[in-house]
Amino acid sequence: MNRHDIIVRPVLTEKSTQLREAQNKYCFIVRPNANKSEVKRAVEETLNVKVESVRIVNILGKEKRLGRFSGKRPDSKKAIITLKEGEKLTLFEG
């Protein structure tokens, strides 16, 4: 798997903004079959930063209904990246 294929998109929510500002943690949606070492290598090589730790969260898709029809949103995987002291991503800045 290519390193550019592992990271799908950044997560831009209120909770992820608070993590970024207070604890220097960044959230990304990653491919469901990616593991911690692959995510760490992809972030370091693609975004040119030093990663301290990676945490992975599996997110189950919600059940949704529209009238009598029911469906399900797709499952996803979220990676919470902690950068080393002094490192910063300009990707999220204004």
PDB file of N, CA and C in Angstrom:
ATOM      1  N   MET A   1       0.841  -1.173   0.000  1.00  0.00           N
ATOM      2  CA  MET A   1       0.000   0.000   0.000  1.00  0.00           C
ATOM      3  C   MET A   1       0.892   1.244   0.000  1.00  0.00           C
ATOM      4  N   ASN A   2       0.544   2.201  -0.823  1.00  0.00           N
ATOM      5  CA  ASN A   2       1.284   3.447  -0.942  1.00  0.00           C
ATOM      6  C   ASN A   2       1.041   4.317   0.286  1.00  0.00           C
ATOM      7  N   ARG A   3       2.030   5.088   0.708  1.00  0.00           N
ATOM      8  CA  ARG A   3       1.873   5.918   1.906  1.00  0.00           C
ATOM      9  C   ARG A   3       0.812   6.988   1.734  1.00  0.00           C
ATOM     10  N   HIS A   4       0.573   7.424   0.499  1.00  0.00           N
ATOM     11  CA  HIS A   4      -0.460   8.426   0.244  1.00  0.00           C
ATOM     12  C   HIS A   4      -1.860   7.822   0.300  1.00  0.00           C
ATOM     13  N   ASP A   5      -1.969   6.524   0.168  1.00  0.00           N
ATOM     14  CA  ASP A   5      -3.269   5.857   0.226  1.00  0.00           C
ATOM     15  C   ASP A   5      -3.732   5.589   1.662  1.00  0.00           C
ATOM     16  N   ILE A   6      -2.832   5.620   2.623  1.00  0.00           N
ATOM     17  CA  ILE A   6      -3.183   5.271   4.005  1.00  0.00           C
ATOM     18  C   ILE A   6      -4.013   6.368   4.652  1.00  0.00           C
ATOM     19  N   ILE A   7      -3.591   7.626   4.521  1.00  0.00           N
ATOM     20  CA  ILE A   7      -4.322   8.746   5.112  1.00  0.00           C
ATOM     21  C   ILE A   7      -5.419   9.166   4.145  1.00  0.00           C
ATOM     22  N   VAL A   8      -6.675   9.098   4.594  1.00  0.00           N
ATOM     23  CA  VAL A   8      -7.812   9.450   3.742  1.00  0.00           C
ATOM     24  C   VAL A   8      -8.104  10.939   3.838  1.00  0.00           C
ATOM     25  N   ARG A   9      -8.306  11.436   5.080  1.00  0.00           N
ATOM     26  CA  ARG A   9      -8.615  12.856   5.264  1.00  0.00           C
ATOM     27  C   ARG A   9      -8.440  13.219   6.726  1.00  0.00           C
ATOM     28  N   PRO A  10      -8.239  14.507   7.017  1.00  0.00           N
ATOM     29  CA  PRO A  10      -8.181  14.926   8.418  1.00  0.00           C
ATOM     30  C   PRO A  10      -9.580  15.036   9.008  1.00  0.00           C
ATOM     31  N   VAL A  11      -9.667  14.916  10.327  1.00  0.00           N
ATOM     32  CA  VAL A  11     -10.927  15.071  11.042  1.00  0.00           C
ATOM     33  C   VAL A  11     -10.954  16.488  11.607  1.00  0.00           C
ATOM     34  N   LEU A  12     -11.958  17.275  11.223  1.00  0.00           N
ATOM     35  CA  LEU A  12     -12.074  18.655  11.665  1.00  0.00           C
ATOM     36  C   LEU A  12     -13.362  18.821  12.457  1.00  0.00           C
ATOM     37  N   THR A  13     -13.286  18.486  13.738  1.00  0.00           N
ATOM     38  CA  THR A  13     -14.425  18.620  14.637  1.00  0.00           C
ATOM     39  C   THR A  13     -14.002  19.480  15.820  1.00  0.00           C
ATOM     40  N   GLU A  14     -14.968  19.825  16.650  1.00  0.00           N
ATOM     41  CA  GLU A  14     -14.666  20.624  17.832  1.00  0.00           C
ATOM     42  C   GLU A  14     -13.752  19.861  18.789  1.00  0.00           C
ATOM     43  N   LYS A  15     -14.010  18.578  18.964  1.00  0.00           N
ATOM     44  CA  LYS A  15     -13.193  17.764  19.861  1.00  0.00           C
ATOM     45  C   LYS A  15     -11.764  17.630  19.335  1.00  0.00           C
ATOM     46  N   SER A  16     -11.602  17.414  18.031  1.00  0.00           N
ATOM     47  CA  SER A  16     -10.257  17.287  17.484  1.00  0.00           C
ATOM     48  C   SER A  16      -9.503  18.614  17.538  1.00  0.00           C
ATOM     49  N   THR A  17     -10.206  19.733  17.430  1.00  0.00           N
ATOM     50  CA  THR A  17      -9.574  21.045  17.561  1.00  0.00           C
ATOM     51  C   THR A  17      -9.068  21.259  18.978  1.00  0.00           C
ATOM     52  N   GLN A  18      -9.838  20.844  19.971  1.00  0.00           N
ATOM     53  CA  GLN A  18      -9.402  20.959  21.359  1.00  0.00           C
ATOM     54  C   GLN A  18      -8.186  20.075  21.637  1.00  0.00           C
ATOM     55  N   LEU A  19      -8.169  18.861  21.078  1.00  0.00           N
ATOM     56  CA  LEU A  19      -7.008  17.981  21.230  1.00  0.00           C
ATOM     57  C   LEU A  19      -5.770  18.598  20.596  1.00  0.00           C
ATOM     58  N   ARG A  20      -5.955  19.195  19.424  1.00  0.00           N
ATOM     59  CA  ARG A  20      -4.834  19.799  18.705  1.00  0.00           C
ATOM     60  C   ARG A  20      -4.242  20.968  19.494  1.00  0.00           C
ATOM     61  N   GLU A  21      -5.091  21.828  20.044  1.00  0.00           N
ATOM     62  CA  GLU A  21      -4.613  23.016  20.741  1.00  0.00           C
ATOM     63  C   GLU A  21      -4.029  22.697  22.116  1.00  0.00           C
ATOM     64  N   ALA A  22      -4.628  21.768  22.848  1.00  0.00           N
ATOM     65  CA  ALA A  22      -4.201  21.501  24.219  1.00  0.00           C
ATOM     66  C   ALA A  22      -3.076  20.463  24.309  1.00  0.00           C
ATOM     67  N   GLN A  23      -3.125  19.413  23.486  1.00  0.00           N
ATOM     68  CA  GLN A  23      -2.220  18.282  23.675  1.00  0.00           C
ATOM     69  C   GLN A  23      -1.361  17.956  22.462  1.00  0.00           C
ATOM     70  N   ASN A  24      -1.407  18.775  21.411  1.00  0.00           N
ATOM     71  CA  ASN A  24      -0.617  18.557  20.197  1.00  0.00           C
ATOM     72  C   ASN A  24      -0.941  17.200  19.550  1.00  0.00           C
ATOM     73  N   LYS A  25      -2.254  16.864  19.519  1.00  0.00           N
ATOM     74  CA  LYS A  25      -2.730  15.625  18.900  1.00  0.00           C
ATOM     75  C   LYS A  25      -3.561  15.968  17.669  1.00  0.00           C
ATOM     76  N   TYR A  26      -3.379  15.207  16.599  1.00  0.00           N
ATOM     77  CA  TYR A  26      -4.072  15.433  15.341  1.00  0.00           C
ATOM     78  C   TYR A  26      -4.838  14.169  14.958  1.00  0.00           C
ATOM     79  N   CYS A  27      -6.036  14.334  14.397  1.00  0.00           N
ATOM     80  CA  CYS A  27      -6.890  13.201  14.043  1.00  0.00           C
ATOM     81  C   CYS A  27      -7.015  13.075  12.534  1.00  0.00           C
ATOM     82  N   PHE A  28      -6.945  11.840  12.050  1.00  0.00           N
ATOM     83  CA  PHE A  28      -7.086  11.534  10.632  1.00  0.00           C
ATOM     84  C   PHE A  28      -7.966  10.305  10.462  1.00  0.00           C
ATOM     85  N   ILE A  29      -8.751  10.272   9.393  1.00  0.00           N
ATOM     86  CA  ILE A  29      -9.416   9.052   8.967  1.00  0.00           C
ATOM     87  C   ILE A  29      -8.408   8.304   8.103  1.00  0.00           C
ATOM     88  N   VAL A  30      -8.197   7.019   8.417  1.00  0.00           N
ATOM     89  CA  VAL A  30      -7.227   6.205   7.687  1.00  0.00           C
ATOM     90  C   VAL A  30      -7.931   4.989   7.078  1.00  0.00           C
ATOM     91  N   ARG A  31      -7.228   4.274   6.230  1.00  0.00           N
ATOM     92  CA  ARG A  31      -7.773   3.064   5.612  1.00  0.00           C
ATOM     93  C   ARG A  31      -8.064   2.003   6.666  1.00  0.00           C
ATOM     94  N   PRO A  32      -9.138   1.241   6.501  1.00  0.00           N
ATOM     95  CA  PRO A  32      -9.511   0.247   7.523  1.00  0.00           C
ATOM     96  C   PRO A  32      -8.486  -0.856   7.748  1.00  0.00           C
ATOM     97  N   ASN A  33      -7.631  -1.141   6.774  1.00  0.00           N
ATOM     98  CA  ASN A  33      -6.656  -2.220   6.936  1.00  0.00           C
ATOM     99  C   ASN A  33      -5.274  -1.711   7.335  1.00  0.00           C
ATOM    100  N   ALA A  34      -5.143  -0.425   7.684  1.00  0.00           N
ATOM    101  CA  ALA A  34      -3.851   0.138   8.087  1.00  0.00           C
ATOM    102  C   ALA A  34      -3.602  -0.122   9.571  1.00  0.00           C
ATOM    103  N   ASN A  35      -2.338  -0.356   9.936  1.00  0.00           N
ATOM    104  CA  ASN A  35      -1.992  -0.541  11.340  1.00  0.00           C
ATOM    105  C   ASN A  35      -1.184   0.657  11.833  1.00  0.00           C
ATOM    106  N   LYS A  36      -0.808   0.649  13.117  1.00  0.00           N
ATOM    107  CA  LYS A  36      -0.152   1.797  13.731  1.00  0.00           C
ATOM    108  C   LYS A  36       1.176   2.149  13.073  1.00  0.00           C
ATOM    109  N   SER A  37       1.991   1.159  12.788  1.00  0.00           N
ATOM    110  CA  SER A  37       3.306   1.444  12.202  1.00  0.00           C
ATOM    111  C   SER A  37       3.184   2.014  10.794  1.00  0.00           C
ATOM    112  N   GLU A  38       2.230   1.527  10.009  1.00  0.00           N
ATOM    113  CA  GLU A  38       2.011   2.075   8.668  1.00  0.00           C
ATOM    114  C   GLU A  38       1.519   3.515   8.736  1.00  0.00           C
ATOM    115  N   VAL A  39       0.616   3.805   9.684  1.00  0.00           N
ATOM    116  CA  VAL A  39       0.100   5.170   9.839  1.00  0.00           C
ATOM    117  C   VAL A  39       1.225   6.098  10.271  1.00  0.00           C
ATOM    118  N   LYS A  40       2.045   5.669  11.205  1.00  0.00           N
ATOM    119  CA  LYS A  40       3.158   6.493  11.681  1.00  0.00           C
ATOM    120  C   LYS A  40       4.124   6.815  10.550  1.00  0.00           C
ATOM    121  N   ARG A  41       4.489   5.804   9.777  1.00  0.00           N
ATOM    122  CA  ARG A  41       5.415   6.012   8.666  1.00  0.00           C
ATOM    123  C   ARG A  41       4.818   6.933   7.607  1.00  0.00           C
ATOM    124  N   ALA A  42       3.520   6.772   7.320  1.00  0.00           N
ATOM    125  CA  ALA A  42       2.865   7.602   6.309  1.00  0.00           C
ATOM    126  C   ALA A  42       2.803   9.062   6.740  1.00  0.00           C
ATOM    127  N   VAL A  43       2.488   9.322   8.011  1.00  0.00           N
ATOM    128  CA  VAL A  43       2.415  10.697   8.504  1.00  0.00           C
ATOM    129  C   VAL A  43       3.796  11.337   8.502  1.00  0.00           C
ATOM    130  N   GLU A  44       4.812  10.610   8.958  1.00  0.00           N
ATOM    131  CA  GLU A  44       6.162  11.166   9.005  1.00  0.00           C
ATOM    132  C   GLU A  44       6.694  11.478   7.618  1.00  0.00           C
ATOM    133  N   GLU A  45       6.464  10.592   6.658  1.00  0.00           N
ATOM    134  CA  GLU A  45       7.002  10.799   5.317  1.00  0.00           C
ATOM    135  C   GLU A  45       6.197  11.823   4.523  1.00  0.00           C
ATOM    136  N   THR A  46       4.886  11.815   4.678  1.00  0.00           N
ATOM    137  CA  THR A  46       4.040  12.697   3.884  1.00  0.00           C
ATOM    138  C   THR A  46       4.036  14.123   4.417  1.00  0.00           C
ATOM    139  N   LEU A  47       3.940  14.279   5.739  1.00  0.00           N
ATOM    140  CA  LEU A  47       3.769  15.603   6.337  1.00  0.00           C
ATOM    141  C   LEU A  47       5.052  16.159   6.954  1.00  0.00           C
ATOM    142  N   ASN A  48       6.151  15.422   6.896  1.00  0.00           N
ATOM    143  CA  ASN A  48       7.470  15.863   7.368  1.00  0.00           C
ATOM    144  C   ASN A  48       7.456  16.315   8.831  1.00  0.00           C
ATOM    145  N   VAL A  49       6.942  15.470   9.711  1.00  0.00           N
ATOM    146  CA  VAL A  49       6.931  15.724  11.149  1.00  0.00           C
ATOM    147  C   VAL A  49       7.399  14.461  11.868  1.00  0.00           C
ATOM    148  N   LYS A  50       7.760  14.589  13.141  1.00  0.00           N
ATOM    149  CA  LYS A  50       8.148  13.453  13.970  1.00  0.00           C
ATOM    150  C   LYS A  50       6.971  13.049  14.844  1.00  0.00           C
ATOM    151  N   VAL A  51       6.573  11.783  14.774  1.00  0.00           N
ATOM    152  CA  VAL A  51       5.418  11.269  15.508  1.00  0.00           C
ATOM    153  C   VAL A  51       5.898  10.586  16.779  1.00  0.00           C
ATOM    154  N   GLU A  52       5.263  10.935  17.903  1.00  0.00           N
ATOM    155  CA  GLU A  52       5.588  10.303  19.181  1.00  0.00           C
ATOM    156  C   GLU A  52       4.783   9.022  19.381  1.00  0.00           C
ATOM    157  N   SER A  53       3.446   9.084  19.143  1.00  0.00           N
ATOM    158  CA  SER A  53       2.617   7.897  19.316  1.00  0.00           C
ATOM    159  C   SER A  53       1.408   7.952  18.391  1.00  0.00           C
ATOM    160  N   VAL A  54       0.825   6.781  18.181  1.00  0.00           N
ATOM    161  CA  VAL A  54      -0.361   6.637  17.339  1.00  0.00           C
ATOM    162  C   VAL A  54      -1.383   5.803  18.095  1.00  0.00           C
ATOM    163  N   ARG A  55      -2.611   6.275  18.109  1.00  0.00           N
ATOM    164  CA  ARG A  55      -3.718   5.503  18.678  1.00  0.00           C
ATOM    165  C   ARG A  55      -4.758   5.308  17.587  1.00  0.00           C
ATOM    166  N   ILE A  56      -5.317   4.108  17.522  1.00  0.00           N
ATOM    167  CA  ILE A  56      -6.271   3.744  16.480  1.00  0.00           C
ATOM    168  C   ILE A  56      -7.633   3.493  17.122  1.00  0.00           C
ATOM    169  N   VAL A  57      -8.697   4.034  16.495  1.00  0.00           N
ATOM    170  CA  VAL A  57     -10.063   3.839  16.963  1.00  0.00           C
ATOM    171  C   VAL A  57     -10.899   3.330  15.795  1.00  0.00           C
ATOM    172  N   ASN A  58     -11.552   2.185  15.973  1.00  0.00           N
ATOM    173  CA  ASN A  58     -12.487   1.691  14.971  1.00  0.00           C
ATOM    174  C   ASN A  58     -13.856   2.314  15.227  1.00  0.00           C
ATOM    175  N   ILE A  59     -14.433   2.932  14.209  1.00  0.00           N
ATOM    176  CA  ILE A  59     -15.716   3.603  14.342  1.00  0.00           C
ATOM    177  C   ILE A  59     -16.756   2.819  13.545  1.00  0.00           C
ATOM    178  N   LEU A  60     -17.787   2.355  14.217  1.00  0.00           N
ATOM    179  CA  LEU A  60     -18.855   1.620  13.552  1.00  0.00           C
ATOM    180  C   LEU A  60     -19.832   2.605  12.928  1.00  0.00           C
ATOM    181  N   GLY A  61     -20.305   2.295  11.717  1.00  0.00           N
ATOM    182  CA  GLY A  61     -21.257   3.157  11.031  1.00  0.00           C
ATOM    183  C   GLY A  61     -22.620   3.116  11.698  1.00  0.00           C
ATOM    184  N   LYS A  62     -23.311   4.253  11.677  1.00  0.00           N
ATOM    185  CA  LYS A  62     -24.619   4.345  12.310  1.00  0.00           C
ATOM    186  C   LYS A  62     -25.701   3.729  11.431  1.00  0.00           C
ATOM    187  N   GLU A  63     -26.716   3.181  12.091  1.00  0.00           N
ATOM    188  CA  GLU A  63     -27.907   2.722  11.384  1.00  0.00           C
ATOM    189  C   GLU A  63     -28.769   3.940  11.087  1.00  0.00           C
ATOM    190  N   LYS A  64     -29.198   4.092   9.860  1.00  0.00           N
ATOM    191  CA  LYS A  64     -30.017   5.238   9.458  1.00  0.00           C
ATOM    192  C   LYS A  64     -31.283   4.748   8.777  1.00  0.00           C
ATOM    193  N   ARG A  65     -32.361   5.527   8.930  1.00  0.00           N
ATOM    194  CA  ARG A  65     -33.636   5.196   8.304  1.00  0.00           C
ATOM    195  C   ARG A  65     -34.145   6.392   7.532  1.00  0.00           C
ATOM    196  N   LEU A  66     -34.827   6.105   6.463  1.00  0.00           N
ATOM    197  CA  LEU A  66     -35.536   7.117   5.701  1.00  0.00           C
ATOM    198  C   LEU A  66     -36.901   6.507   5.387  1.00  0.00           C
ATOM    199  N   GLY A  67     -37.873   6.826   6.232  1.00  0.00           N
ATOM    200  CA  GLY A  67     -39.192   6.212   6.091  1.00  0.00           C
ATOM    201  C   GLY A  67     -39.123   4.748   6.438  1.00  0.00           C
ATOM    202  N   ARG A  68     -39.561   3.916   5.529  1.00  0.00           N
ATOM    203  CA  ARG A  68     -39.524   2.472   5.796  1.00  0.00           C
ATOM    204  C   ARG A  68     -38.221   1.822   5.363  1.00  0.00           C
ATOM    205  N   PHE A  69     -37.342   2.572   4.727  1.00  0.00           N
ATOM    206  CA  PHE A  69     -36.073   2.029   4.243  1.00  0.00           C
ATOM    207  C   PHE A  69     -34.989   2.263   5.294  1.00  0.00           C
ATOM    208  N   SER A  70     -34.230   1.234   5.571  1.00  0.00           N
ATOM    209  CA  SER A  70     -33.141   1.374   6.534  1.00  0.00           C
ATOM    210  C   SER A  70     -31.821   1.060   5.848  1.00  0.00           C
ATOM    211  N   GLY A  71     -30.790   1.670   6.350  1.00  0.00           N
ATOM    212  CA  GLY A  71     -29.466   1.459   5.800  1.00  0.00           C
ATOM    213  C   GLY A  71     -28.420   1.688   6.877  1.00  0.00           C
ATOM    214  N   LYS A  72     -27.172   1.658   6.476  1.00  0.00           N
ATOM    215  CA  LYS A  72     -26.087   1.793   7.424  1.00  0.00           C
ATOM    216  C   LYS A  72     -24.973   2.599   6.774  1.00  0.00           C
ATOM    217  N   ARG A  73     -24.430   3.539   7.543  1.00  0.00           N
ATOM    218  CA  ARG A  73     -23.262   4.280   7.081  1.00  0.00           C
ATOM    219  C   ARG A  73     -22.050   3.360   7.148  1.00  0.00           C
ATOM    220  N   PRO A  74     -21.044   3.610   6.333  1.00  0.00           N
ATOM    221  CA  PRO A  74     -19.880   2.715   6.338  1.00  0.00           C
ATOM    222  C   PRO A  74     -19.051   2.844   7.615  1.00  0.00           C
ATOM    223  N   ASP A  75     -18.396   1.737   7.999  1.00  0.00           N
ATOM    224  CA  ASP A  75     -17.471   1.745   9.121  1.00  0.00           C
ATOM    225  C   ASP A  75     -16.194   2.484   8.694  1.00  0.00           C
ATOM    226  N   SER A  76     -15.464   3.010   9.686  1.00  0.00           N
ATOM    227  CA  SER A  76     -14.218   3.708   9.370  1.00  0.00           C
ATOM    228  C   SER A  76     -13.220   3.504  10.497  1.00  0.00           C
ATOM    229  N   LYS A  77     -12.010   3.980  10.286  1.00  0.00           N
ATOM    230  CA  LYS A  77     -10.951   3.879  11.277  1.00  0.00           C
ATOM    231  C   LYS A  77     -10.328   5.256  11.442  1.00  0.00           C
ATOM    232  N   LYS A  78     -10.182   5.690  12.707  1.00  0.00           N
ATOM    233  CA  LYS A  78      -9.611   7.000  13.006  1.00  0.00           C
ATOM    234  C   LYS A  78      -8.285   6.816  13.728  1.00  0.00           C
ATOM    235  N   ALA A  79      -7.281   7.602  13.326  1.00  0.00           N
ATOM    236  CA  ALA A  79      -5.981   7.584  13.976  1.00  0.00           C
ATOM    237  C   ALA A  79      -5.765   8.909  14.690  1.00  0.00           C
ATOM    238  N   ILE A  80      -5.372   8.840  15.959  1.00  0.00           N
ATOM    239  CA  ILE A  80      -5.039  10.028  16.729  1.00  0.00           C
ATOM    240  C   ILE A  80      -3.515  10.046  16.867  1.00  0.00           C
ATOM    241  N   ILE A  81      -2.903  11.054  16.263  1.00  0.00           N
ATOM    242  CA  ILE A  81      -1.455  11.154  16.172  1.00  0.00           C
ATOM    243  C   ILE A  81      -0.956  12.166  17.191  1.00  0.00           C
ATOM    244  N   THR A  82      -0.018  11.767  18.047  1.00  0.00           N
ATOM    245  CA  THR A  82       0.632  12.687  18.972  1.00  0.00           C
ATOM    246  C   THR A  82       2.000  13.030  18.403  1.00  0.00           C
ATOM    247  N   LEU A  83       2.239  14.324  18.185  1.00  0.00           N
ATOM    248  CA  LEU A  83       3.519  14.764  17.645  1.00  0.00           C
ATOM    249  C   LEU A  83       4.511  15.020  18.770  1.00  0.00           C
ATOM    250  N   LYS A  84       5.804  14.929  18.447  1.00  0.00           N
ATOM    251  CA  LYS A  84       6.836  15.190  19.431  1.00  0.00           C
ATOM    252  C   LYS A  84       6.842  16.666  19.794  1.00  0.00           C
ATOM    253  N   GLU A  85       7.438  16.966  20.941  1.00  0.00           N
ATOM    254  CA  GLU A  85       7.490  18.340  21.460  1.00  0.00           C
ATOM    255  C   GLU A  85       8.167  19.265  20.451  1.00  0.00           C
ATOM    256  N   GLY A  86       7.522  20.379  20.168  1.00  0.00           N
ATOM    257  CA  GLY A  86       8.066  21.357  19.224  1.00  0.00           C
ATOM    258  C   GLY A  86       7.599  21.170  17.786  1.00  0.00           C
ATOM    259  N   GLU A  87       7.018  20.027  17.464  1.00  0.00           N
ATOM    260  CA  GLU A  87       6.516  19.766  16.118  1.00  0.00           C
ATOM    261  C   GLU A  87       5.125  20.365  15.954  1.00  0.00           C
ATOM    262  N   LYS A  88       4.797  20.790  14.727  1.00  0.00           N
ATOM    263  CA  LYS A  88       3.493  21.383  14.456  1.00  0.00           C
ATOM    264  C   LYS A  88       3.138  21.145  12.997  1.00  0.00           C
ATOM    265  N   LEU A  89       1.860  20.938  12.737  1.00  0.00           N
ATOM    266  CA  LEU A  89       1.382  20.781  11.361  1.00  0.00           C
ATOM    267  C   LEU A  89       0.746  22.083  10.907  1.00  0.00           C
ATOM    268  N   THR A  90       1.167  22.584   9.763  1.00  0.00           N
ATOM    269  CA  THR A  90       0.575  23.812   9.225  1.00  0.00           C
ATOM    270  C   THR A  90      -0.657  23.490   8.395  1.00  0.00           C
ATOM    271  N   LEU A  91      -0.932  22.210   8.203  1.00  0.00           N
ATOM    272  CA  LEU A  91      -2.096  21.770   7.435  1.00  0.00           C
ATOM    273  C   LEU A  91      -3.408  22.258   8.055  1.00  0.00           C
ATOM    274  N   PHE A  92      -3.453  22.350   9.393  1.00  0.00           N
ATOM    275  CA  PHE A  92      -4.679  22.714  10.097  1.00  0.00           C
ATOM    276  C   PHE A  92      -4.767  24.197  10.412  1.00  0.00           C
ATOM    277  N   GLU A  93      -3.719  24.942  10.167  1.00  0.00           N
ATOM    278  CA  GLU A  93      -3.724  26.361  10.514  1.00  0.00           C
ATOM    279  C   GLU A  93      -4.422  27.182   9.447  1.00  0.00           C
ATOM    280  N   GLY A  94      -5.159  28.182   9.875  1.00  0.00           N
ATOM    281  CA  GLY A  94      -5.963  29.098   9.193  1.00  0.00           C
ATOM    282  C   GLY A  94      -5.964  29.397   7.801  1.00  0.00           C
TER     283      GLY A  94
END
